[in-house]
Amino acid sequence: MSQVQQGMALLISAFHKYSGKEGDKYTLSKGELKDLLNNELGDIFGKSTDQAALDKIFKDLDANADGTVDFQEYITLVACLTILCNDFFKDQKKK
């Protein structure tokens, strides 16, 4: 399996590790999203204890306003973070 395929499998696996604990197994509730952000992306976000910040992230991700974050909405977050990280490292390389 290529590195890109491994990365895709890891993204899918991480989503499903947290989805469905509080309802639909194909979506993330606000609590599940908080657990995912803290455990999988804590190095980027820090450990989120700010409920208002979590509410804003959740609202911004929930593009269809159904009260959950589905896989497509989750991947949008990961893609945006990946772009920001790439830009950061690109800028660091220039210095």
PDB file of N, CA and C in Angstrom:
ATOM      1  N   MET A   1       0.849  -1.174   0.000  1.00  0.00           N
ATOM      2  CA  MET A   1       0.000   0.000   0.000  1.00  0.00           C
ATOM      3  C   MET A   1       0.899   1.243   0.000  1.00  0.00           C
ATOM      4  N   SER A   2       0.558   2.201  -0.824  1.00  0.00           N
ATOM      5  CA  SER A   2       1.356   3.430  -0.919  1.00  0.00           C
ATOM      6  C   SER A   2       1.189   4.282   0.339  1.00  0.00           C
ATOM      7  N   GLN A   3       2.059   5.260   0.495  1.00  0.00           N
ATOM      8  CA  GLN A   3       1.963   6.162   1.646  1.00  0.00           C
ATOM      9  C   GLN A   3       0.654   6.948   1.637  1.00  0.00           C
ATOM     10  N   VAL A   4       0.224   7.370   0.467  1.00  0.00           N
ATOM     11  CA  VAL A   4      -1.033   8.107   0.367  1.00  0.00           C
ATOM     12  C   VAL A   4      -2.199   7.205   0.773  1.00  0.00           C
ATOM     13  N   GLN A   5      -2.199   5.969   0.307  1.00  0.00           N
ATOM     14  CA  GLN A   5      -3.257   5.029   0.690  1.00  0.00           C
ATOM     15  C   GLN A   5      -3.227   4.755   2.191  1.00  0.00           C
ATOM     16  N   GLN A   6      -2.045   4.644   2.770  1.00  0.00           N
ATOM     17  CA  GLN A   6      -1.928   4.445   4.216  1.00  0.00           C
ATOM     18  C   GLN A   6      -2.485   5.660   4.961  1.00  0.00           C
ATOM     19  N   GLY A   7      -2.178   6.846   4.476  1.00  0.00           N
ATOM     20  CA  GLY A   7      -2.702   8.065   5.080  1.00  0.00           C
ATOM     21  C   GLY A   7      -4.223   8.111   5.021  1.00  0.00           C
ATOM     22  N   MET A   8      -4.780   7.728   3.886  1.00  0.00           N
ATOM     23  CA  MET A   8      -6.233   7.697   3.742  1.00  0.00           C
ATOM     24  C   MET A   8      -6.847   6.698   4.724  1.00  0.00           C
ATOM     25  N   ALA A   9      -6.241   5.530   4.834  1.00  0.00           N
ATOM     26  CA  ALA A   9      -6.743   4.506   5.761  1.00  0.00           C
ATOM     27  C   ALA A   9      -6.675   4.995   7.203  1.00  0.00           C
ATOM     28  N   LEU A  10      -5.611   5.718   7.547  1.00  0.00           N
ATOM     29  CA  LEU A  10      -5.483   6.256   8.901  1.00  0.00           C
ATOM     30  C   LEU A  10      -6.553   7.314   9.193  1.00  0.00           C
ATOM     31  N   LEU A  11      -6.846   8.166   8.212  1.00  0.00           N
ATOM     32  CA  LEU A  11      -7.889   9.179   8.396  1.00  0.00           C
ATOM     33  C   LEU A  11      -9.257   8.534   8.607  1.00  0.00           C
ATOM     34  N   ILE A  12      -9.539   7.508   7.825  1.00  0.00           N
ATOM     35  CA  ILE A  12     -10.811   6.785   7.963  1.00  0.00           C
ATOM     36  C   ILE A  12     -10.883   6.109   9.323  1.00  0.00           C
ATOM     37  N   SER A  13      -9.815   5.443   9.695  1.00  0.00           N
ATOM     38  CA  SER A  13      -9.764   4.729  10.967  1.00  0.00           C
ATOM     39  C   SER A  13      -9.928   5.683  12.152  1.00  0.00           C
ATOM     40  N   ALA A  14      -9.260   6.829  12.112  1.00  0.00           N
ATOM     41  CA  ALA A  14      -9.365   7.802  13.200  1.00  0.00           C
ATOM     42  C   ALA A  14     -10.797   8.303  13.342  1.00  0.00           C
ATOM     43  N   PHE A  15     -11.462   8.577  12.226  1.00  0.00           N
ATOM     44  CA  PHE A  15     -12.851   9.048  12.276  1.00  0.00           C
ATOM     45  C   PHE A  15     -13.738   8.007  12.960  1.00  0.00           C
ATOM     46  N   HIS A  16     -13.630   6.758  12.512  1.00  0.00           N
ATOM     47  CA  HIS A  16     -14.517   5.710  13.026  1.00  0.00           C
ATOM     48  C   HIS A  16     -14.151   5.258  14.439  1.00  0.00           C
ATOM     49  N   LYS A  17     -12.953   5.584  14.878  1.00  0.00           N
ATOM     50  CA  LYS A  17     -12.565   5.308  16.264  1.00  0.00           C
ATOM     51  C   LYS A  17     -13.433   6.118  17.232  1.00  0.00           C
ATOM     52  N   TYR A  18     -13.880   7.306  16.819  1.00  0.00           N
ATOM     53  CA  TYR A  18     -14.650   8.202  17.675  1.00  0.00           C
ATOM     54  C   TYR A  18     -16.131   8.278  17.309  1.00  0.00           C
ATOM     55  N   SER A  19     -16.475   8.021  16.056  1.00  0.00           N
ATOM     56  CA  SER A  19     -17.873   8.151  15.632  1.00  0.00           C
ATOM     57  C   SER A  19     -18.718   7.009  16.202  1.00  0.00           C
ATOM     58  N   GLY A  20     -19.975   7.314  16.462  1.00  0.00           N
ATOM     59  CA  GLY A  20     -20.918   6.282  16.870  1.00  0.00           C
ATOM     60  C   GLY A  20     -20.957   5.954  18.342  1.00  0.00           C
ATOM     61  N   LYS A  21     -20.108   6.556  19.132  1.00  0.00           N
ATOM     62  CA  LYS A  21     -20.161   6.288  20.576  1.00  0.00           C
ATOM     63  C   LYS A  21     -21.411   6.885  21.204  1.00  0.00           C
ATOM     64  N   GLU A  22     -21.927   7.960  20.594  1.00  0.00           N
ATOM     65  CA  GLU A  22     -23.086   8.664  21.147  1.00  0.00           C
ATOM     66  C   GLU A  22     -24.253   8.707  20.162  1.00  0.00           C
ATOM     67  N   GLY A  23     -24.312   7.803  19.231  1.00  0.00           N
ATOM     68  CA  GLY A  23     -25.415   7.837  18.264  1.00  0.00           C
ATOM     69  C   GLY A  23     -25.007   7.215  16.954  1.00  0.00           C
ATOM     70  N   ASP A  24     -25.275   7.926  15.868  1.00  0.00           N
ATOM     71  CA  ASP A  24     -25.004   7.446  14.514  1.00  0.00           C
ATOM     72  C   ASP A  24     -23.531   7.097  14.359  1.00  0.00           C
ATOM     73  N   LYS A  25     -23.265   5.874  13.888  1.00  0.00           N
ATOM     74  CA  LYS A  25     -21.871   5.442  13.765  1.00  0.00           C
ATOM     75  C   LYS A  25     -21.146   6.082  12.585  1.00  0.00           C
ATOM     76  N   TYR A  26     -21.850   6.862  11.792  1.00  0.00           N
ATOM     77  CA  TYR A  26     -21.236   7.511  10.640  1.00  0.00           C
ATOM     78  C   TYR A  26     -21.060   9.012  10.823  1.00  0.00           C
ATOM     79  N   THR A  27     -21.306   9.505  12.038  1.00  0.00           N
ATOM     80  CA  THR A  27     -21.133  10.922  12.315  1.00  0.00           C
ATOM     81  C   THR A  27     -20.490  11.111  13.685  1.00  0.00           C
ATOM     82  N   LEU A  28     -19.987  12.309  13.911  1.00  0.00           N
ATOM     83  CA  LEU A  28     -19.411  12.688  15.198  1.00  0.00           C
ATOM     84  C   LEU A  28     -20.348  13.663  15.904  1.00  0.00           C
ATOM     85  N   SER A  29     -20.652  13.374  17.152  1.00  0.00           N
ATOM     86  CA  SER A  29     -21.372  14.334  17.988  1.00  0.00           C
ATOM     87  C   SER A  29     -20.359  15.376  18.460  1.00  0.00           C
ATOM     88  N   LYS A  30     -20.829  16.388  19.147  1.00  0.00           N
ATOM     89  CA  LYS A  30     -19.918  17.412  19.669  1.00  0.00           C
ATOM     90  C   LYS A  30     -18.912  16.792  20.644  1.00  0.00           C
ATOM     91  N   GLY A  31     -19.371  15.888  21.496  1.00  0.00           N
ATOM     92  CA  GLY A  31     -18.480  15.223  22.446  1.00  0.00           C
ATOM     93  C   GLY A  31     -17.452  14.338  21.762  1.00  0.00           C
ATOM     94  N   GLU A  32     -17.888  13.621  20.749  1.00  0.00           N
ATOM     95  CA  GLU A  32     -16.973  12.763  19.992  1.00  0.00           C
ATOM     96  C   GLU A  32     -15.932  13.602  19.255  1.00  0.00           C
ATOM     97  N   LEU A  33     -16.370  14.735  18.687  1.00  0.00           N
ATOM     98  CA  LEU A  33     -15.435  15.629  18.001  1.00  0.00           C
ATOM     99  C   LEU A  33     -14.406  16.167  18.992  1.00  0.00           C
ATOM    100  N   LYS A  34     -14.852  16.548  20.184  1.00  0.00           N
ATOM    101  CA  LYS A  34     -13.928  17.045  21.198  1.00  0.00           C
ATOM    102  C   LYS A  34     -12.889  15.982  21.536  1.00  0.00           C
ATOM    103  N   ASP A  35     -13.324  14.733  21.719  1.00  0.00           N
ATOM    104  CA  ASP A  35     -12.383  13.648  22.012  1.00  0.00           C
ATOM    105  C   ASP A  35     -11.384  13.459  20.869  1.00  0.00           C
ATOM    106  N   LEU A  36     -11.881  13.494  19.625  1.00  0.00           N
ATOM    107  CA  LEU A  36     -11.001  13.343  18.467  1.00  0.00           C
ATOM    108  C   LEU A  36      -9.987  14.484  18.415  1.00  0.00           C
ATOM    109  N   LEU A  37     -10.448  15.716  18.582  1.00  0.00           N
ATOM    110  CA  LEU A  37      -9.537  16.866  18.523  1.00  0.00           C
ATOM    111  C   LEU A  37      -8.476  16.783  19.615  1.00  0.00           C
ATOM    112  N   ASN A  38      -8.893  16.442  20.829  1.00  0.00           N
ATOM    113  CA  ASN A  38      -7.949  16.364  21.937  1.00  0.00           C
ATOM    114  C   ASN A  38      -6.948  15.224  21.772  1.00  0.00           C
ATOM    115  N   ASN A  39      -7.426  14.064  21.365  1.00  0.00           N
ATOM    116  CA  ASN A  39      -6.575  12.881  21.309  1.00  0.00           C
ATOM    117  C   ASN A  39      -5.758  12.758  20.030  1.00  0.00           C
ATOM    118  N   GLU A  40      -6.327  13.175  18.923  1.00  0.00           N
ATOM    119  CA  GLU A  40      -5.656  12.983  17.628  1.00  0.00           C
ATOM    120  C   GLU A  40      -4.981  14.254  17.118  1.00  0.00           C
ATOM    121  N   LEU A  41      -5.487  15.421  17.513  1.00  0.00           N
ATOM    122  CA  LEU A  41      -4.957  16.680  17.000  1.00  0.00           C
ATOM    123  C   LEU A  41      -4.568  17.637  18.124  1.00  0.00           C
ATOM    124  N   GLY A  42      -4.373  17.103  19.315  1.00  0.00           N
ATOM    125  CA  GLY A  42      -4.041  17.918  20.474  1.00  0.00           C
ATOM    126  C   GLY A  42      -2.762  18.709  20.311  1.00  0.00           C
ATOM    127  N   ASP A  43      -1.807  18.170  19.565  1.00  0.00           N
ATOM    128  CA  ASP A  43      -0.554  18.893  19.329  1.00  0.00           C
ATOM    129  C   ASP A  43      -0.775  20.154  18.497  1.00  0.00           C
ATOM    130  N   ILE A  44      -1.808  20.149  17.684  1.00  0.00           N
ATOM    131  CA  ILE A  44      -2.117  21.308  16.840  1.00  0.00           C
ATOM    132  C   ILE A  44      -3.066  22.256  17.565  1.00  0.00           C
ATOM    133  N   PHE A  45      -4.145  21.705  18.128  1.00  0.00           N
ATOM    134  CA  PHE A  45      -5.166  22.515  18.776  1.00  0.00           C
ATOM    135  C   PHE A  45      -4.870  22.804  20.238  1.00  0.00           C
ATOM    136  N   GLY A  46      -4.047  21.980  20.862  1.00  0.00           N
ATOM    137  CA  GLY A  46      -3.929  22.035  22.318  1.00  0.00           C
ATOM    138  C   GLY A  46      -5.122  21.290  22.889  1.00  0.00           C
ATOM    139  N   LYS A  47      -5.077  21.006  24.140  1.00  0.00           N
ATOM    140  CA  LYS A  47      -6.208  20.315  24.781  1.00  0.00           C
ATOM    141  C   LYS A  47      -7.332  21.323  24.979  1.00  0.00           C
ATOM    142  N   SER A  48      -8.449  21.075  24.341  1.00  0.00           N
ATOM    143  CA  SER A  48      -9.557  22.029  24.332  1.00  0.00           C
ATOM    144  C   SER A  48     -10.394  21.924  25.602  1.00  0.00           C
ATOM    145  N   THR A  49     -10.334  22.964  26.410  1.00  0.00           N
ATOM    146  CA  THR A  49     -11.203  23.062  27.575  1.00  0.00           C
ATOM    147  C   THR A  49     -12.147  24.245  27.421  1.00  0.00           C
ATOM    148  N   ASP A  50     -11.981  25.013  26.365  1.00  0.00           N
ATOM    149  CA  ASP A  50     -12.803  26.192  26.107  1.00  0.00           C
ATOM    150  C   ASP A  50     -14.060  25.767  25.341  1.00  0.00           C
ATOM    151  N   GLN A  51     -15.190  25.700  26.040  1.00  0.00           N
ATOM    152  CA  GLN A  51     -16.430  25.229  25.433  1.00  0.00           C
ATOM    153  C   GLN A  51     -16.877  26.137  24.288  1.00  0.00           C
ATOM    154  N   ALA A  52     -16.696  27.444  24.416  1.00  0.00           N
ATOM    155  CA  ALA A  52     -17.097  28.370  23.351  1.00  0.00           C
ATOM    156  C   ALA A  52     -16.292  28.118  22.080  1.00  0.00           C
ATOM    157  N   ALA A  53     -14.993  27.847  22.237  1.00  0.00           N
ATOM    158  CA  ALA A  53     -14.155  27.556  21.067  1.00  0.00           C
ATOM    159  C   ALA A  53     -14.588  26.251  20.416  1.00  0.00           C
ATOM    160  N   LEU A  54     -14.874  25.235  21.231  1.00  0.00           N
ATOM    161  CA  LEU A  54     -15.346  23.955  20.688  1.00  0.00           C
ATOM    162  C   LEU A  54     -16.673  24.136  19.958  1.00  0.00           C
ATOM    163  N   ASP A  55     -17.583  24.908  20.550  1.00  0.00           N
ATOM    164  CA  ASP A  55     -18.876  25.164  19.906  1.00  0.00           C
ATOM    165  C   ASP A  55     -18.692  25.834  18.551  1.00  0.00           C
ATOM    166  N   LYS A  56     -17.762  26.790  18.462  1.00  0.00           N
ATOM    167  CA  LYS A  56     -17.506  27.479  17.191  1.00  0.00           C
ATOM    168  C   LYS A  56     -16.927  26.531  16.149  1.00  0.00           C
ATOM    169  N   ILE A  57     -15.952  25.722  16.554  1.00  0.00           N
ATOM    170  CA  ILE A  57     -15.363  24.742  15.627  1.00  0.00           C
ATOM    171  C   ILE A  57     -16.456  23.808  15.117  1.00  0.00           C
ATOM    172  N   PHE A  58     -17.279  23.307  16.036  1.00  0.00           N
ATOM    173  CA  PHE A  58     -18.340  22.377  15.656  1.00  0.00           C
ATOM    174  C   PHE A  58     -19.318  23.041  14.686  1.00  0.00           C
ATOM    175  N   LYS A  59     -19.740  24.253  15.007  1.00  0.00           N
ATOM    176  CA  LYS A  59     -20.693  24.973  14.137  1.00  0.00           C
ATOM    177  C   LYS A  59     -20.091  25.216  12.755  1.00  0.00           C
ATOM    178  N   ASP A  60     -18.818  25.603  12.722  1.00  0.00           N
ATOM    179  CA  ASP A  60     -18.165  25.863  11.436  1.00  0.00           C
ATOM    180  C   ASP A  60     -18.016  24.577  10.612  1.00  0.00           C
ATOM    181  N   LEU A  61     -17.758  23.469  11.276  1.00  0.00           N
ATOM    182  CA  LEU A  61     -17.599  22.196  10.555  1.00  0.00           C
ATOM    183  C   LEU A  61     -18.927  21.630  10.075  1.00  0.00           C
ATOM    184  N   ASP A  62     -19.972  21.835  10.849  1.00  0.00           N
ATOM    185  CA  ASP A  62     -21.284  21.264  10.558  1.00  0.00           C
ATOM    186  C   ASP A  62     -21.946  22.036   9.412  1.00  0.00           C
ATOM    187  N   ALA A  63     -21.411  21.849   8.215  1.00  0.00           N
ATOM    188  CA  ALA A  63     -21.827  22.633   7.040  1.00  0.00           C
ATOM    189  C   ALA A  63     -23.318  22.503   6.731  1.00  0.00           C
ATOM    190  N   ASN A  64     -23.884  21.323   6.948  1.00  0.00           N
ATOM    191  CA  ASN A  64     -25.302  21.128   6.634  1.00  0.00           C
ATOM    192  C   ASN A  64     -26.209  21.365   7.840  1.00  0.00           C
ATOM    193  N   ALA A  65     -25.624  21.803   8.952  1.00  0.00           N
ATOM    194  CA  ALA A  65     -26.359  22.187  10.164  1.00  0.00           C
ATOM    195  C   ALA A  65     -27.286  21.095  10.684  1.00  0.00           C
ATOM    196  N   ASP A  66     -26.825  19.848  10.627  1.00  0.00           N
ATOM    197  CA  ASP A  66     -27.648  18.744  11.129  1.00  0.00           C
ATOM    198  C   ASP A  66     -27.306  18.352  12.566  1.00  0.00           C
ATOM    199  N   GLY A  67     -26.391  19.089  13.188  1.00  0.00           N
ATOM    200  CA  GLY A  67     -26.042  18.820  14.572  1.00  0.00           C
ATOM    201  C   GLY A  67     -24.995  17.748  14.771  1.00  0.00           C
ATOM    202  N   THR A  68     -24.406  17.286  13.677  1.00  0.00           N
ATOM    203  CA  THR A  68     -23.332  16.293  13.730  1.00  0.00           C
ATOM    204  C   THR A  68     -22.275  16.664  12.688  1.00  0.00           C
ATOM    205  N   VAL A  69     -21.097  16.050  12.820  1.00  0.00           N
ATOM    206  CA  VAL A  69     -20.042  16.227  11.824  1.00  0.00           C
ATOM    207  C   VAL A  69     -19.881  14.892  11.100  1.00  0.00           C
ATOM    208  N   ASP A  70     -20.164  14.899   9.802  1.00  0.00           N
ATOM    209  CA  ASP A  70     -20.025  13.662   9.033  1.00  0.00           C
ATOM    210  C   ASP A  70     -18.595  13.554   8.483  1.00  0.00           C
ATOM    211  N   PHE A  71     -18.332  12.470   7.781  1.00  0.00           N
ATOM    212  CA  PHE A  71     -16.972  12.210   7.309  1.00  0.00           C
ATOM    213  C   PHE A  71     -16.470  13.306   6.371  1.00  0.00           C
ATOM    214  N   GLN A  72     -17.329  13.777   5.478  1.00  0.00           N
ATOM    215  CA  GLN A  72     -16.916  14.835   4.543  1.00  0.00           C
ATOM    216  C   GLN A  72     -16.552  16.111   5.293  1.00  0.00           C
ATOM    217  N   GLU A  73     -17.320  16.462   6.315  1.00  0.00           N
ATOM    218  CA  GLU A  73     -17.030  17.654   7.104  1.00  0.00           C
ATOM    219  C   GLU A  73     -15.722  17.486   7.892  1.00  0.00           C
ATOM    220  N   TYR A  74     -15.498  16.286   8.403  1.00  0.00           N
ATOM    221  CA  TYR A  74     -14.244  15.968   9.108  1.00  0.00           C
ATOM    222  C   TYR A  74     -13.044  16.081   8.163  1.00  0.00           C
ATOM    223  N   ILE A  75     -13.169  15.556   6.966  1.00  0.00           N
ATOM    224  CA  ILE A  75     -12.072  15.602   5.992  1.00  0.00           C
ATOM    225  C   ILE A  75     -11.784  17.040   5.586  1.00  0.00           C
ATOM    226  N   THR A  76     -12.814  17.886   5.541  1.00  0.00           N
ATOM    227  CA  THR A  76     -12.604  19.300   5.251  1.00  0.00           C
ATOM    228  C   THR A  76     -11.698  19.922   6.308  1.00  0.00           C
ATOM    229  N   LEU A  77     -11.940  19.594   7.578  1.00  0.00           N
ATOM    230  CA  LEU A  77     -11.083  20.082   8.662  1.00  0.00           C
ATOM    231  C   LEU A  77      -9.650  19.594   8.479  1.00  0.00           C
ATOM    232  N   VAL A  78      -9.492  18.301   8.225  1.00  0.00           N
ATOM    233  CA  VAL A  78      -8.150  17.727   8.071  1.00  0.00           C
ATOM    234  C   VAL A  78      -7.430  18.352   6.874  1.00  0.00           C
ATOM    235  N   ALA A  79      -8.151  18.554   5.780  1.00  0.00           N
ATOM    236  CA  ALA A  79      -7.536  19.162   4.594  1.00  0.00           C
ATOM    237  C   ALA A  79      -7.085  20.587   4.883  1.00  0.00           C
ATOM    238  N   CYS A  80      -7.922  21.355   5.551  1.00  0.00           N
ATOM    239  CA  CYS A  80      -7.550  22.743   5.889  1.00  0.00           C
ATOM    240  C   CYS A  80      -6.346  22.782   6.815  1.00  0.00           C
ATOM    241  N   LEU A  81      -6.328  21.915   7.820  1.00  0.00           N
ATOM    242  CA  LEU A  81      -5.179  21.853   8.732  1.00  0.00           C
ATOM    243  C   LEU A  81      -3.912  21.437   8.000  1.00  0.00           C
ATOM    244  N   THR A  82      -4.040  20.510   7.073  1.00  0.00           N
ATOM    245  CA  THR A  82      -2.893  20.048   6.297  1.00  0.00           C
ATOM    246  C   THR A  82      -2.328  21.179   5.443  1.00  0.00           C
ATOM    247  N   ILE A  83      -3.193  21.965   4.852  1.00  0.00           N
ATOM    248  CA  ILE A  83      -2.750  23.116   4.055  1.00  0.00           C
ATOM    249  C   ILE A  83      -2.021  24.120   4.945  1.00  0.00           C
ATOM    250  N   LEU A  84      -2.592  24.407   6.119  1.00  0.00           N
ATOM    251  CA  LEU A  84      -1.948  25.350   7.039  1.00  0.00           C
ATOM    252  C   LEU A  84      -0.580  24.844   7.498  1.00  0.00           C
ATOM    253  N   CYS A  85      -0.485  23.558   7.800  1.00  0.00           N
ATOM    254  CA  CYS A  85       0.804  22.980   8.209  1.00  0.00           C
ATOM    255  C   CYS A  85       1.818  23.052   7.072  1.00  0.00           C
ATOM    256  N   ASN A  86       1.376  22.752   5.859  1.00  0.00           N
ATOM    257  CA  ASN A  86       2.270  22.829   4.709  1.00  0.00           C
ATOM    258  C   ASN A  86       2.791  24.251   4.521  1.00  0.00           C
ATOM    259  N   ASP A  87       1.888  25.220   4.621  1.00  0.00           N
ATOM    260  CA  ASP A  87       2.294  26.627   4.491  1.00  0.00           C
ATOM    261  C   ASP A  87       3.280  27.018   5.589  1.00  0.00           C
ATOM    262  N   PHE A  88       3.036  26.567   6.808  1.00  0.00           N
ATOM    263  CA  PHE A  88       3.929  26.860   7.924  1.00  0.00           C
ATOM    264  C   PHE A  88       5.332  26.314   7.651  1.00  0.00           C
ATOM    265  N   PHE A  89       5.410  25.055   7.250  1.00  0.00           N
ATOM    266  CA  PHE A  89       6.719  24.432   7.012  1.00  0.00           C
ATOM    267  C   PHE A  89       7.414  25.032   5.793  1.00  0.00           C
ATOM    268  N   LYS A  90       6.620  25.426   4.797  1.00  0.00           N
ATOM    269  CA  LYS A  90       7.179  26.080   3.619  1.00  0.00           C
ATOM    270  C   LYS A  90       7.798  27.413   4.014  1.00  0.00           C
ATOM    271  N   ASP A  91       7.108  28.165   4.868  1.00  0.00           N
ATOM    272  CA  ASP A  91       7.624  29.448   5.338  1.00  0.00           C
ATOM    273  C   ASP A  91       8.850  29.264   6.212  1.00  0.00           C
ATOM    274  N   GLN A  92       8.877  28.222   7.022  1.00  0.00           N
ATOM    275  CA  GLN A  92      10.024  27.942   7.883  1.00  0.00           C
ATOM    276  C   GLN A  92      11.269  27.604   7.062  1.00  0.00           C
ATOM    277  N   LYS A  93      11.030  26.920   5.962  1.00  0.00           N
ATOM    278  CA  LYS A  93      12.133  26.517   5.085  1.00  0.00           C
ATOM    279  C   LYS A  93      12.798  27.726   4.431  1.00  0.00           C
ATOM    280  N   LYS A  94      11.992  28.779   4.185  1.00  0.00           N
ATOM    281  CA  LYS A  94      12.514  29.989   3.538  1.00  0.00           C
ATOM    282  C   LYS A  94      13.419  30.793   4.467  1.00  0.00           C
ATOM    283  N   LYS A  95      13.248  30.616   5.776  1.00  0.00           N
ATOM    284  CA  LYS A  95      14.018  31.413   6.751  1.00  0.00           C
ATOM    285  C   LYS A  95      15.423  30.920   6.903  1.00  0.00           C
TER     286      LYS A  95
END
